[in-house]
Amino acid sequence: MARVKHPSRKKFLAKKGRQTKWAPFWTIPKKYGVGKKVHPSRHTKVKRSWRRTKIKG
């Protein structure tokens, strides 16, 4: 990829980068109940890794 990225491309990549983060820790008791131990990545909307899945666009 080019060293200098077009602003629209950079914005696109930034959005995709934010979507791959885990859900906040406080959402677990809210969704599953107080005593439940669940990993935050379990209910993250979009799961993507730079190794596994490439971005089309």
Protein backbone atom coordinates (compact mmCIF):
# COMPACT_ATOMS: atom_id res chain seq x y z
CA MET A 1 0.00 0.00 0.00
CA ALA A 2 1.13 3.53 -0.67
CA ARG A 3 2.88 5.42 2.08
CA VAL A 4 0.75 8.53 1.50
CA LYS A 5 -2.92 7.53 1.58
CA HIS A 6 -5.81 9.44 0.04
CA PRO A 7 -7.99 11.01 2.78
CA SER A 8 -11.08 9.00 1.77
CA ARG A 9 -9.09 5.75 1.83
CA LYS A 10 -7.66 6.65 5.22
CA LYS A 11 -11.15 7.35 6.57
CA PHE A 12 -12.36 3.99 5.22
CA LEU A 13 -9.48 2.12 6.87
CA ALA A 14 -10.01 3.96 10.16
CA LYS A 15 -13.66 2.88 10.26
CA LYS A 16 -12.74 -0.75 9.55
CA GLY A 17 -10.10 -0.58 12.29
CA ARG A 18 -12.66 0.60 14.84
CA GLN A 19 -15.09 -2.19 13.90
CA THR A 20 -12.59 -4.92 14.79
CA LYS A 21 -12.29 -3.88 18.44
CA TRP A 22 -13.90 -5.88 21.25
CA ALA A 23 -17.12 -4.70 22.79
CA PRO A 24 -16.73 -2.68 26.04
CA PHE A 25 -16.39 -4.78 29.20
CA TRP A 26 -19.45 -3.23 30.84
CA THR A 27 -21.75 -4.63 28.13
CA ILE A 28 -21.29 -8.19 29.48
CA PRO A 29 -23.30 -7.84 32.71
CA LYS A 30 -25.83 -5.76 30.77
CA LYS A 31 -26.39 -8.49 28.18
CA TYR A 32 -25.71 -11.79 29.99
CA GLY A 33 -26.26 -10.95 33.68
CA VAL A 34 -23.93 -10.11 36.57
CA GLY A 35 -22.43 -13.56 37.30
CA LYS A 36 -21.68 -14.55 33.70
CA LYS A 37 -18.07 -14.68 32.51
CA VAL A 38 -18.04 -14.09 28.75
CA HIS A 39 -15.31 -12.68 26.54
CA PRO A 40 -16.11 -9.19 25.14
CA SER A 41 -15.27 -10.29 21.60
CA ARG A 42 -18.20 -12.69 21.68
CA HIS A 43 -20.78 -9.99 20.94
CA THR A 44 -18.69 -7.68 18.79
CA LYS A 45 -20.57 -6.82 15.60
CA VAL A 46 -17.80 -7.21 12.99
CA LYS A 47 -14.87 -9.55 13.58
CA ARG A 48 -11.98 -9.14 11.17
CA SER A 49 -8.26 -9.75 11.35
CA TRP A 50 -5.56 -8.32 9.10
CA ARG A 51 -4.25 -11.87 8.65
CA ARG A 52 -7.49 -13.76 8.05
CA THR A 53 -9.82 -11.46 6.10
CA LYS A 54 -8.90 -8.74 3.64
CA ILE A 55 -10.96 -5.60 2.96
CA LYS A 56 -12.59 -5.07 -0.40
CA GLY A 57 -12.59 -1.41 -1.31
